Amino acid sequence: MTQENQNQPKDQSSTPQNLPKPWGHRIFWDYYGAMAQGTAEHFLIHLRSFLAKYDLNLKTGVEHPQAHHSFVFCETPVEHVEMLIKSLKPKRYQIIEQSSLL
């Protein structure tokens, strides 16, 4: 690093402390085909039973974005993400930032 670069102020917008803090994850289980809706709704029952067993009161639900595609979701704070992913093997996830909850 040259002397000139050392004296220039750093761009503060890219530092970790300025990034939005993740609240947690929204994890998904996708189902496709003619039985997708029924399978997703059945899995939701098992998901809620699993969460109750661990005394986790998390937001869950089923959505049907297309005729032969349904998915189950669960919104979980950071501290439960690893356990849920290892135990329940979701197909995908989305990071939820603190600001998106306001």
N, C-alpha and C. Protein backbone atom coordinates (compact mmCIF):
# COMPACT_ATOMS: atom_id res chain seq x y z
N MET A 1 0.86 -1.18 0.00
CA MET A 1 0.00 0.00 0.00
C MET A 1 0.90 1.23 0.00
N THR A 2 0.60 2.19 -0.85
CA THR A 2 1.43 3.39 -0.93
C THR A 2 1.05 4.36 0.17
N GLN A 3 1.91 5.33 0.37
CA GLN A 3 1.65 6.36 1.38
C GLN A 3 0.36 7.12 1.06
N GLU A 4 0.13 7.37 -0.24
CA GLU A 4 -1.08 8.10 -0.65
C GLU A 4 -2.34 7.34 -0.25
N ASN A 5 -2.38 6.04 -0.49
CA ASN A 5 -3.55 5.22 -0.17
C ASN A 5 -3.80 5.15 1.33
N GLN A 6 -2.74 5.17 2.12
CA GLN A 6 -2.90 5.07 3.57
C GLN A 6 -3.59 6.30 4.14
N ASN A 7 -3.40 7.44 3.51
CA ASN A 7 -3.97 8.68 4.02
C ASN A 7 -5.40 8.94 3.54
N GLN A 8 -5.87 8.18 2.57
CA GLN A 8 -7.22 8.40 2.07
C GLN A 8 -8.23 7.75 3.00
N PRO A 9 -9.38 8.41 3.20
CA PRO A 9 -10.40 7.81 4.06
C PRO A 9 -10.96 6.55 3.42
N LYS A 10 -11.28 5.58 4.23
CA LYS A 10 -11.88 4.34 3.74
C LYS A 10 -13.35 4.57 3.42
N ASP A 11 -13.83 3.83 2.46
CA ASP A 11 -15.25 3.87 2.13
C ASP A 11 -16.01 3.14 3.23
N GLN A 12 -16.70 3.86 4.08
CA GLN A 12 -17.39 3.28 5.23
C GLN A 12 -18.63 2.48 4.85
N SER A 13 -19.16 2.68 3.64
CA SER A 13 -20.39 1.98 3.26
C SER A 13 -20.20 0.48 3.09
N SER A 14 -18.97 0.03 2.89
CA SER A 14 -18.74 -1.39 2.67
C SER A 14 -18.19 -2.12 3.89
N THR A 15 -18.09 -1.44 5.01
CA THR A 15 -17.58 -2.08 6.20
C THR A 15 -18.66 -2.94 6.83
N PRO A 16 -18.29 -4.04 7.48
CA PRO A 16 -19.28 -4.96 8.04
C PRO A 16 -20.25 -4.32 9.02
N GLN A 17 -19.81 -3.35 9.81
CA GLN A 17 -20.71 -2.74 10.78
C GLN A 17 -21.84 -1.95 10.13
N ASN A 18 -21.70 -1.58 8.86
CA ASN A 18 -22.75 -0.83 8.18
C ASN A 18 -23.71 -1.72 7.39
N LEU A 19 -23.41 -3.01 7.31
CA LEU A 19 -24.31 -3.91 6.60
C LEU A 19 -25.52 -4.21 7.47
N PRO A 20 -26.68 -4.45 6.85
CA PRO A 20 -27.85 -4.80 7.65
C PRO A 20 -27.60 -6.11 8.40
N LYS A 21 -28.03 -6.17 9.62
CA LYS A 21 -27.85 -7.36 10.43
C LYS A 21 -28.95 -8.37 10.07
N PRO A 22 -28.59 -9.62 9.76
CA PRO A 22 -29.64 -10.59 9.46
C PRO A 22 -30.39 -10.96 10.72
N TRP A 23 -31.70 -11.01 10.62
CA TRP A 23 -32.54 -11.46 11.73
C TRP A 23 -32.55 -12.98 11.75
N GLY A 24 -32.62 -13.56 10.57
CA GLY A 24 -32.69 -15.01 10.47
C GLY A 24 -32.87 -15.43 9.03
N HIS A 25 -33.56 -16.53 8.86
CA HIS A 25 -33.78 -17.09 7.53
C HIS A 25 -35.23 -17.50 7.35
N ARG A 26 -35.67 -17.42 6.14
CA ARG A 26 -36.94 -18.01 5.75
C ARG A 26 -36.55 -19.25 4.95
N ILE A 27 -36.87 -20.42 5.48
CA ILE A 27 -36.48 -21.66 4.83
C ILE A 27 -37.69 -22.28 4.14
N PHE A 28 -37.43 -23.00 3.05
CA PHE A 28 -38.50 -23.49 2.18
C PHE A 28 -38.35 -24.97 1.85
N TRP A 29 -39.49 -25.63 1.70
CA TRP A 29 -39.57 -26.98 1.18
C TRP A 29 -40.53 -26.91 0.00
N ASP A 30 -40.02 -27.22 -1.18
CA ASP A 30 -40.80 -27.11 -2.42
C ASP A 30 -41.38 -28.47 -2.81
N TYR A 31 -42.59 -28.43 -3.35
CA TYR A 31 -43.27 -29.62 -3.85
C TYR A 31 -43.84 -29.31 -5.22
N TYR A 32 -43.69 -30.26 -6.14
CA TYR A 32 -44.14 -30.07 -7.52
C TYR A 32 -45.01 -31.25 -7.95
N GLY A 33 -45.91 -30.99 -8.88
CA GLY A 33 -46.73 -32.03 -9.45
C GLY A 33 -48.18 -31.92 -9.04
N ALA A 34 -48.96 -32.88 -9.48
CA ALA A 34 -50.41 -32.86 -9.23
C ALA A 34 -50.75 -32.93 -7.75
N MET A 35 -49.90 -33.57 -6.95
CA MET A 35 -50.17 -33.73 -5.52
C MET A 35 -49.42 -32.71 -4.66
N ALA A 36 -48.84 -31.70 -5.28
CA ALA A 36 -47.99 -30.74 -4.56
C ALA A 36 -48.73 -30.06 -3.42
N GLN A 37 -49.95 -29.59 -3.66
CA GLN A 37 -50.67 -28.87 -2.62
C GLN A 37 -50.95 -29.76 -1.41
N GLY A 38 -51.46 -30.95 -1.62
CA GLY A 38 -51.75 -31.85 -0.51
C GLY A 38 -50.50 -32.28 0.23
N THR A 39 -49.42 -32.53 -0.50
CA THR A 39 -48.16 -32.94 0.13
C THR A 39 -47.59 -31.80 0.98
N ALA A 40 -47.63 -30.59 0.46
CA ALA A 40 -47.13 -29.43 1.21
C ALA A 40 -47.95 -29.21 2.48
N GLU A 41 -49.27 -29.30 2.38
CA GLU A 41 -50.12 -29.10 3.56
C GLU A 41 -49.89 -30.21 4.59
N HIS A 42 -49.63 -31.42 4.12
CA HIS A 42 -49.33 -32.52 5.05
C HIS A 42 -47.98 -32.31 5.73
N PHE A 43 -46.98 -31.87 4.96
CA PHE A 43 -45.67 -31.60 5.56
C PHE A 43 -45.76 -30.50 6.60
N LEU A 44 -46.61 -29.50 6.36
CA LEU A 44 -46.78 -28.41 7.32
C LEU A 44 -47.22 -28.94 8.69
N ILE A 45 -48.08 -29.94 8.69
CA ILE A 45 -48.52 -30.55 9.96
C ILE A 45 -47.30 -31.12 10.70
N HIS A 46 -46.44 -31.84 9.98
CA HIS A 46 -45.25 -32.43 10.60
C HIS A 46 -44.25 -31.35 11.02
N LEU A 47 -44.12 -30.31 10.23
CA LEU A 47 -43.22 -29.21 10.59
C LEU A 47 -43.68 -28.57 11.90
N ARG A 48 -44.95 -28.29 12.01
CA ARG A 48 -45.48 -27.66 13.23
C ARG A 48 -45.31 -28.58 14.44
N SER A 49 -45.47 -29.88 14.26
CA SER A 49 -45.24 -30.84 15.35
C SER A 49 -43.78 -30.82 15.78
N PHE A 50 -42.88 -30.78 14.82
CA PHE A 50 -41.45 -30.72 15.12
C PHE A 50 -41.12 -29.46 15.91
N LEU A 51 -41.64 -28.33 15.47
CA LEU A 51 -41.38 -27.06 16.16
C LEU A 51 -41.95 -27.07 17.58
N ALA A 52 -43.13 -27.66 17.74
CA ALA A 52 -43.74 -27.74 19.08
C ALA A 52 -42.90 -28.62 20.01
N LYS A 53 -42.33 -29.68 19.47
CA LYS A 53 -41.48 -30.58 20.27
C LYS A 53 -40.30 -29.81 20.87
N TYR A 54 -39.77 -28.85 20.12
CA TYR A 54 -38.64 -28.04 20.58
C TYR A 54 -39.09 -26.69 21.15
N ASP A 55 -40.37 -26.54 21.37
CA ASP A 55 -40.95 -25.32 21.94
C ASP A 55 -40.55 -24.07 21.15
N LEU A 56 -40.63 -24.18 19.82
CA LEU A 56 -40.32 -23.06 18.93
C LEU A 56 -41.61 -22.52 18.34
N ASN A 57 -41.90 -21.29 18.64
CA ASN A 57 -43.11 -20.65 18.10
C ASN A 57 -42.69 -19.77 16.92
N LEU A 58 -42.58 -20.39 15.74
CA LEU A 58 -42.08 -19.70 14.56
C LEU A 58 -43.20 -19.57 13.53
N LYS A 59 -43.08 -18.55 12.69
CA LYS A 59 -44.06 -18.32 11.64
C LYS A 59 -43.88 -19.38 10.55
N THR A 60 -44.96 -20.09 10.22
CA THR A 60 -44.94 -21.11 9.19
C THR A 60 -46.14 -20.93 8.28
N GLY A 61 -46.10 -21.57 7.13
CA GLY A 61 -47.24 -21.49 6.23
C GLY A 61 -46.99 -22.25 4.95
N VAL A 62 -48.03 -22.27 4.11
CA VAL A 62 -47.97 -22.91 2.81
C VAL A 62 -48.39 -21.87 1.77
N GLU A 63 -47.71 -21.87 0.64
CA GLU A 63 -48.11 -21.01 -0.48
C GLU A 63 -48.16 -21.86 -1.74
N HIS A 64 -49.03 -21.46 -2.66
CA HIS A 64 -49.25 -22.17 -3.91
C HIS A 64 -49.08 -21.18 -5.06
N PRO A 65 -47.83 -20.88 -5.46
CA PRO A 65 -47.60 -19.85 -6.47
C PRO A 65 -48.06 -20.24 -7.88
N GLN A 66 -48.11 -21.55 -8.17
CA GLN A 66 -48.53 -22.01 -9.50
C GLN A 66 -49.36 -23.28 -9.34
N ALA A 67 -49.99 -23.69 -10.42
CA ALA A 67 -50.89 -24.85 -10.38
C ALA A 67 -50.22 -26.11 -9.82
N HIS A 68 -49.01 -26.41 -10.21
CA HIS A 68 -48.35 -27.63 -9.76
C HIS A 68 -47.08 -27.34 -8.97
N HIS A 69 -47.11 -26.28 -8.19
CA HIS A 69 -45.99 -25.92 -7.32
C HIS A 69 -46.54 -25.36 -6.02
N SER A 70 -46.17 -25.98 -4.93
CA SER A 70 -46.51 -25.48 -3.59
C SER A 70 -45.24 -25.51 -2.76
N PHE A 71 -45.19 -24.65 -1.76
CA PHE A 71 -44.05 -24.71 -0.84
C PHE A 71 -44.49 -24.39 0.56
N VAL A 72 -43.75 -24.97 1.50
CA VAL A 72 -43.92 -24.71 2.93
C VAL A 72 -42.77 -23.81 3.33
N PHE A 73 -43.05 -22.85 4.22
CA PHE A 73 -41.97 -21.97 4.69
C PHE A 73 -41.99 -21.90 6.21
N CYS A 74 -40.83 -21.52 6.74
CA CYS A 74 -40.68 -21.31 8.17
C CYS A 74 -39.70 -20.16 8.35
N GLU A 75 -40.09 -19.15 9.10
CA GLU A 75 -39.21 -18.02 9.40
C GLU A 75 -38.59 -18.25 10.76
N THR A 76 -37.27 -18.26 10.80
CA THR A 76 -36.58 -18.59 12.03
C THR A 76 -35.44 -17.61 12.32
N PRO A 77 -35.25 -17.23 13.57
CA PRO A 77 -34.11 -16.37 13.91
C PRO A 77 -32.80 -17.14 13.74
N VAL A 78 -31.72 -16.40 13.67
CA VAL A 78 -30.40 -16.96 13.40
C VAL A 78 -30.05 -18.12 14.33
N GLU A 79 -30.40 -18.03 15.60
CA GLU A 79 -29.97 -19.06 16.56
C GLU A 79 -30.57 -20.45 16.30
N HIS A 80 -31.63 -20.56 15.49
CA HIS A 80 -32.24 -21.86 15.21
C HIS A 80 -31.97 -22.37 13.80
N VAL A 81 -31.33 -21.55 12.98
CA VAL A 81 -31.14 -21.89 11.56
C VAL A 81 -30.38 -23.20 11.39
N GLU A 82 -29.25 -23.33 12.03
CA GLU A 82 -28.41 -24.52 11.83
C GLU A 82 -29.16 -25.80 12.21
N MET A 83 -29.80 -25.81 13.35
CA MET A 83 -30.53 -26.99 13.80
C MET A 83 -31.64 -27.37 12.83
N LEU A 84 -32.40 -26.37 12.35
CA LEU A 84 -33.50 -26.66 11.44
C LEU A 84 -33.00 -27.15 10.09
N ILE A 85 -31.94 -26.57 9.58
CA ILE A 85 -31.40 -27.00 8.29
C ILE A 85 -30.84 -28.42 8.39
N LYS A 86 -30.11 -28.71 9.45
CA LYS A 86 -29.55 -30.06 9.61
C LYS A 86 -30.65 -31.10 9.82
N SER A 87 -31.67 -30.77 10.57
CA SER A 87 -32.72 -31.73 10.90
C SER A 87 -33.74 -31.92 9.78
N LEU A 88 -34.12 -30.84 9.12
CA LEU A 88 -35.27 -30.89 8.20
C LEU A 88 -34.90 -30.75 6.73
N LYS A 89 -33.66 -30.47 6.42
CA LYS A 89 -33.16 -30.44 5.04
C LYS A 89 -34.03 -29.63 4.07
N PRO A 90 -34.19 -28.33 4.30
CA PRO A 90 -34.97 -27.52 3.37
C PRO A 90 -34.30 -27.46 2.00
N LYS A 91 -35.08 -27.16 0.98
CA LYS A 91 -34.57 -27.09 -0.38
C LYS A 91 -33.85 -25.78 -0.66
N ARG A 92 -34.28 -24.71 0.02
CA ARG A 92 -33.68 -23.39 -0.22
C ARG A 92 -33.96 -22.51 0.98
N TYR A 93 -33.29 -21.37 1.02
CA TYR A 93 -33.53 -20.42 2.11
C TYR A 93 -33.28 -19.01 1.62
N GLN A 94 -33.75 -18.06 2.41
CA GLN A 94 -33.63 -16.64 2.10
C GLN A 94 -33.26 -15.95 3.41
N ILE A 95 -32.27 -15.05 3.36
CA ILE A 95 -31.88 -14.30 4.55
C ILE A 95 -32.90 -13.20 4.81
N ILE A 96 -33.31 -13.06 6.05
CA ILE A 96 -34.25 -12.01 6.45
C ILE A 96 -33.47 -10.97 7.24
N GLU A 97 -33.47 -9.75 6.74
CA GLU A 97 -32.78 -8.66 7.44
C GLU A 97 -33.69 -8.03 8.47
N GLN A 98 -33.10 -7.48 9.50
CA GLN A 98 -33.85 -6.83 10.58
C GLN A 98 -34.80 -5.78 10.04
N SER A 99 -34.35 -4.99 9.04
CA SER A 99 -35.17 -3.91 8.51
C SER A 99 -36.40 -4.40 7.79
N SER A 100 -36.40 -5.63 7.26
CA SER A 100 -37.56 -6.15 6.55
C SER A 100 -38.69 -6.55 7.49
N LEU A 101 -38.41 -6.60 8.80
CA LEU A 101 -39.43 -6.96 9.78
C LEU A 101 -40.19 -5.75 10.29
N LEU A 102 -39.71 -4.56 10.00
CA LEU A 102 -40.34 -3.36 10.53
C LEU A 102 -41.57 -2.98 9.75
